[in-house]
Structure formats: C-alpha cells, structure tokens
C-alpha atoms as a PDB file:
ATOM      1  CA  MET A   1      50.899  49.728  97.176  1.00  0.00           C
ATOM      2  CA  SER A   2      50.613  52.548  95.412  1.00  0.00           C
ATOM      3  CA  ALA A   3      48.772  53.212  92.453  1.00  0.00           C
ATOM      4  CA  PHE A   4      51.461  54.306  90.178  1.00  0.00           C
ATOM      5  CA  HIS A   5      55.130  53.515  90.070  1.00  0.00           C
ATOM      6  CA  LEU A   6      57.856  55.642  88.373  1.00  0.00           C
ATOM      7  CA  SER A   7      61.400  54.750  86.689  1.00  0.00           C
ATOM      8  CA  SER A   8      63.421  55.228  83.781  1.00  0.00           C
ATOM      9  CA  LEU A   9      64.878  53.105  81.421  1.00  0.00           C
ATOM     10  CA  ASP A  10      67.146  54.479  78.907  1.00  0.00           C
ATOM     11  CA  ASN A  11      66.790  58.285  79.543  1.00  0.00           C
ATOM     12  CA  VAL A  12      62.664  57.057  79.425  1.00  0.00           C
ATOM     13  CA  GLN A  13      60.371  57.736  81.941  1.00  0.00           C
ATOM     14  CA  ILE A  14      58.220  55.191  82.702  1.00  0.00           C
ATOM     15  CA  ILE A  15      54.867  55.350  84.714  1.00  0.00           C
ATOM     16  CA  SER A  16      53.550  51.644  86.076  1.00  0.00           C
ATOM     17  CA  ILE A  17      49.778  51.835  86.885  1.00  0.00           C
ATOM     18  CA  ASN A  18      48.839  49.459  89.647  1.00  0.00           C
ATOM     19  CA  GLN A  19      45.212  50.020  90.224  1.00  0.00           C
ATOM     20  CA  LEU A  20      42.135  51.593  88.312  1.00  0.00           C
ATOM     21  CA  PHE A  21      42.692  55.879  88.209  1.00  0.00           C
ATOM     22  CA  THR A  22      40.498  57.953  90.466  1.00  0.00           C
ATOM     23  CA  GLU A  23      41.246  61.458  90.271  1.00  0.00           C
ATOM     24  CA  GLU A  24      43.069  61.388  93.551  1.00  0.00           C
ATOM     25  CA  THR A  25      45.870  59.106  91.563  1.00  0.00           C
ATOM     26  CA  ILE A  26      45.584  61.382  88.726  1.00  0.00           C
ATOM     27  CA  SER A  27      46.362  64.390  90.431  1.00  0.00           C
ATOM     28  CA  GLU A  28      49.621  62.635  92.232  1.00  0.00           C
ATOM     29  CA  ILE A  29      50.970  61.563  88.650  1.00  0.00           C
ATOM     30  CA  PHE A  30      50.079  64.748  86.805  1.00  0.00           C
ATOM     31  CA  GLU A  31      52.510  65.952  90.115  1.00  0.00           C
ATOM     32  CA  GLU A  32      55.185  63.997  89.839  1.00  0.00           C
ATOM     33  CA  VAL A  33      55.452  64.170  85.632  1.00  0.00           C
ATOM     34  CA  GLN A  34      55.221  67.622  85.543  1.00  0.00           C
ATOM     35  CA  SER A  35      58.407  67.727  88.424  1.00  0.00           C
ATOM     36  CA  LYS A  36      60.376  65.648  85.596  1.00  0.00           C
ATOM     37  CA  LEU A  37      59.277  67.370  82.460  1.00  0.00           C
ATOM     38  CA  GLU A  38      60.469  70.500  84.406  1.00  0.00           C
ATOM     39  CA  ALA A  39      63.794  68.369  85.168  1.00  0.00           C
ATOM     40  CA  GLY A  40      64.058  68.361  81.820  1.00  0.00           C
ATOM     41  CA  LYS A  41      62.637  64.153  81.221  1.00  0.00           C
ATOM     42  CA  LYS A  42      60.567  64.586  78.230  1.00  0.00           C
ATOM     43  CA  LYS A  43      60.180  60.898  76.935  1.00  0.00           C
ATOM     44  CA  TRP A  44      57.198  58.929  78.299  1.00  0.00           C
ATOM     45  CA  VAL A  45      56.534  54.900  78.516  1.00  0.00           C
ATOM     46  CA  VAL A  46      52.841  54.311  80.441  1.00  0.00           C
ATOM     47  CA  ASP A  47      52.581  51.002  81.120  1.00  0.00           C
ATOM     48  CA  LEU A  48      49.366  49.223  81.712  1.00  0.00           C
ATOM     49  CA  SER A  49      50.158  46.074  82.132  1.00  0.00           C
ATOM     50  CA  ASP A  50      48.555  45.688  85.585  1.00  0.00           C
ATOM     51  CA  LEU A  51      46.129  46.901  84.365  1.00  0.00           C
ATOM     52  CA  GLU A  52      42.842  45.150  82.863  1.00  0.00           C
ATOM     53  CA  TYR A  53      40.230  47.690  82.401  1.00  0.00           C
ATOM     54  CA  MET A  54      40.371  51.693  82.174  1.00  0.00           C
ATOM     55  CA  SER A  55      37.468  54.264  82.242  1.00  0.00           C
ATOM     56  CA  SER A  56      36.616  57.807  80.870  1.00  0.00           C
ATOM     57  CA  ILE A  57      39.299  59.228  83.621  1.00  0.00           C
ATOM     58  CA  GLY A  58      42.077  57.134  82.492  1.00  0.00           C
ATOM     59  CA  ILE A  59      41.296  58.636  78.860  1.00  0.00           C
ATOM     60  CA  ASN A  60      41.763  61.774  80.113  1.00  0.00           C
ATOM     61  CA  LEU A  61      45.061  60.815  82.110  1.00  0.00           C
ATOM     62  CA  LEU A  62      46.705  59.453  79.035  1.00  0.00           C
ATOM     63  CA  LEU A  63      45.701  62.285  77.101  1.00  0.00           C
ATOM     64  CA  GLY A  64      46.841  64.720  79.977  1.00  0.00           C
ATOM     65  CA  LEU A  65      50.345  62.909  79.999  1.00  0.00           C
ATOM     66  CA  MET A  66      50.525  63.537  76.057  1.00  0.00           C
ATOM     67  CA  SER A  67      50.008  66.965  76.130  1.00  0.00           C
ATOM     68  CA  ARG A  68      52.358  67.936  78.693  1.00  0.00           C
ATOM     69  CA  SER A  69      55.021  65.856  77.153  1.00  0.00           C
ATOM     70  CA  LYS A  70      54.642  67.012  73.727  1.00  0.00           C
ATOM     71  CA  LYS A  71      54.643  70.900  75.207  1.00  0.00           C
ATOM     72  CA  ARG A  72      57.847  70.438  76.363  1.00  0.00           C
ATOM     73  CA  GLY A  73      58.979  68.883  72.854  1.00  0.00           C
ATOM     74  CA  GLY A  74      58.447  65.318  73.922  1.00  0.00           C
ATOM     75  CA  ALA A  75      56.595  62.233  73.692  1.00  0.00           C
ATOM     76  CA  MET A  76      54.354  59.426  74.955  1.00  0.00           C
ATOM     77  CA  ALA A  77      53.655  55.651  73.774  1.00  0.00           C
ATOM     78  CA  ILE A  78      51.677  52.497  75.884  1.00  0.00           C
ATOM     79  CA  ALA A  79      53.228  49.734  76.768  1.00  0.00           C
ATOM     80  CA  ASN A  80      51.593  46.160  77.532  1.00  0.00           C
ATOM     81  CA  PRO A  81      47.486  47.357  76.751  1.00  0.00           C
ATOM     82  CA  SER A  82      45.483  44.773  77.845  1.00  0.00           C
ATOM     83  CA  SER A  83      43.192  43.886  75.423  1.00  0.00           C
ATOM     84  CA  GLN A  84      39.932  45.754  76.947  1.00  0.00           C
ATOM     85  CA  VAL A  85      42.278  48.802  77.094  1.00  0.00           C
ATOM     86  CA  LEU A  86      43.175  48.195  73.540  1.00  0.00           C
ATOM     87  CA  LYS A  87      39.092  47.895  72.823  1.00  0.00           C
ATOM     88  CA  LEU A  88      38.851  51.027  74.147  1.00  0.00           C
ATOM     89  CA  LEU A  89      41.297  53.347  72.595  1.00  0.00           C
ATOM     90  CA  ASP A  90      40.039  51.597  69.355  1.00  0.00           C
ATOM     91  CA  MET A  91      36.970  52.531  70.340  1.00  0.00           C
ATOM     92  CA  THR A  92      37.808  56.873  71.385  1.00  0.00           C
ATOM     93  CA  ARG A  93      39.756  56.261  67.672  1.00  0.00           C
ATOM     94  CA  LEU A  94      42.834  57.013  70.141  1.00  0.00           C
ATOM     95  CA  THR A  95      45.095  53.941  68.470  1.00  0.00           C
ATOM     96  CA  HIS A  96      46.778  56.171  66.068  1.00  0.00           C
ATOM     97  CA  ILE A  97      47.752  59.086  68.812  1.00  0.00           C
ATOM     98  CA  PHE A  98      49.480  56.563  71.343  1.00  0.00           C
ATOM     99  CA  PRO A  99      52.405  54.288  69.847  1.00  0.00           C
ATOM    100  CA  LEU A 100      51.110  50.823  71.423  1.00  0.00           C
ATOM    101  CA  CYS A 101      53.810  48.700  72.323  1.00  0.00           C
ATOM    102  CA  PRO A 102      53.636  45.036  73.536  1.00  0.00           C
ATOM    103  CA  ASN A 103      56.338  45.541  76.291  1.00  0.00           C
ATOM    104  CA  VAL A 104      58.418  48.692  78.303  1.00  0.00           C
ATOM    105  CA  LYS A 105      61.426  48.132  76.177  1.00  0.00           C
ATOM    106  CA  ALA A 106      60.049  48.245  72.748  1.00  0.00           C
ATOM    107  CA  ALA A 107      57.927  51.074  73.717  1.00  0.00           C
ATOM    108  CA  SER A 108      61.336  52.950  74.917  1.00  0.00           C
ATOM    109  CA  GLN A 109      62.895  52.202  71.595  1.00  0.00           C
ATOM    110  CA  VAL A 110      60.191  53.341  69.828  1.00  0.00           C
ATOM    111  CA  LEU A 111      60.750  56.936  71.785  1.00  0.00           C
ATOM    112  CA  LEU A 112      64.446  56.914  71.673  1.00  0.00           C
ATOM    113  CA  GLN A 113      64.511  57.555  68.218  1.00  0.00           C
ATOM    114  CA  LYS A 114      61.937  60.211  67.812  1.00  0.00           C
END
C-alpha cells in the first residue's frame, strides 16, 4: 500500500495520506504535486482521515504544499484531522493558516469558493 493516494473532486486535487510521513514519502508527494501544479492544478485538499499522529515532518509537508500552491495562485485545505493532529496544529499556531474541514467534500467546497 502506498503512503499516499492522489485523486480529484470537482477540479480540486485530493492527497490522501495513509501512513506516517518519512522524508522519502515527502519527496514523492512533492514530485507528484509539482507535476500537477505545472499542469495547472492549483487547489489541494490534504485528507488526513487515515493518520492518527503527525510529527514535525508532517508539518513541514503541509507548509511546503501550502507554499507551492500559493506560489501558483492556488489554495489548500485540510480534511479529517484527528484530535492529535488538531492539537499539534493548534500548538504550533497553524490552525489559522489552514482551513480545517470535517471531510473532503467540505474542504473542496471551501476551496471552490476562493
């Protein structure tokens, strides 16, 4: 099973994270994202429904994705964060940077309104 899966919904790209982040996983995700960005895909939802915990590596991934998408005029939202991930985002004061949504559909709708 891959550590992540890419799909799309209503012209929004969905990255579903299935395993804890490693440097190798992050490199793979950034390569895939860069390819999609170059193809004009600017709106991203990071689905964390299968991820209970996230380390600083995951925070770096989220910040990197946000930065890359904003450079191309896009936006990013987070869907389905666990209570542990939500605590980490709150502790690092990142809850005001990322739109946090209860599911992928809600996150997609937030991005489509931008």
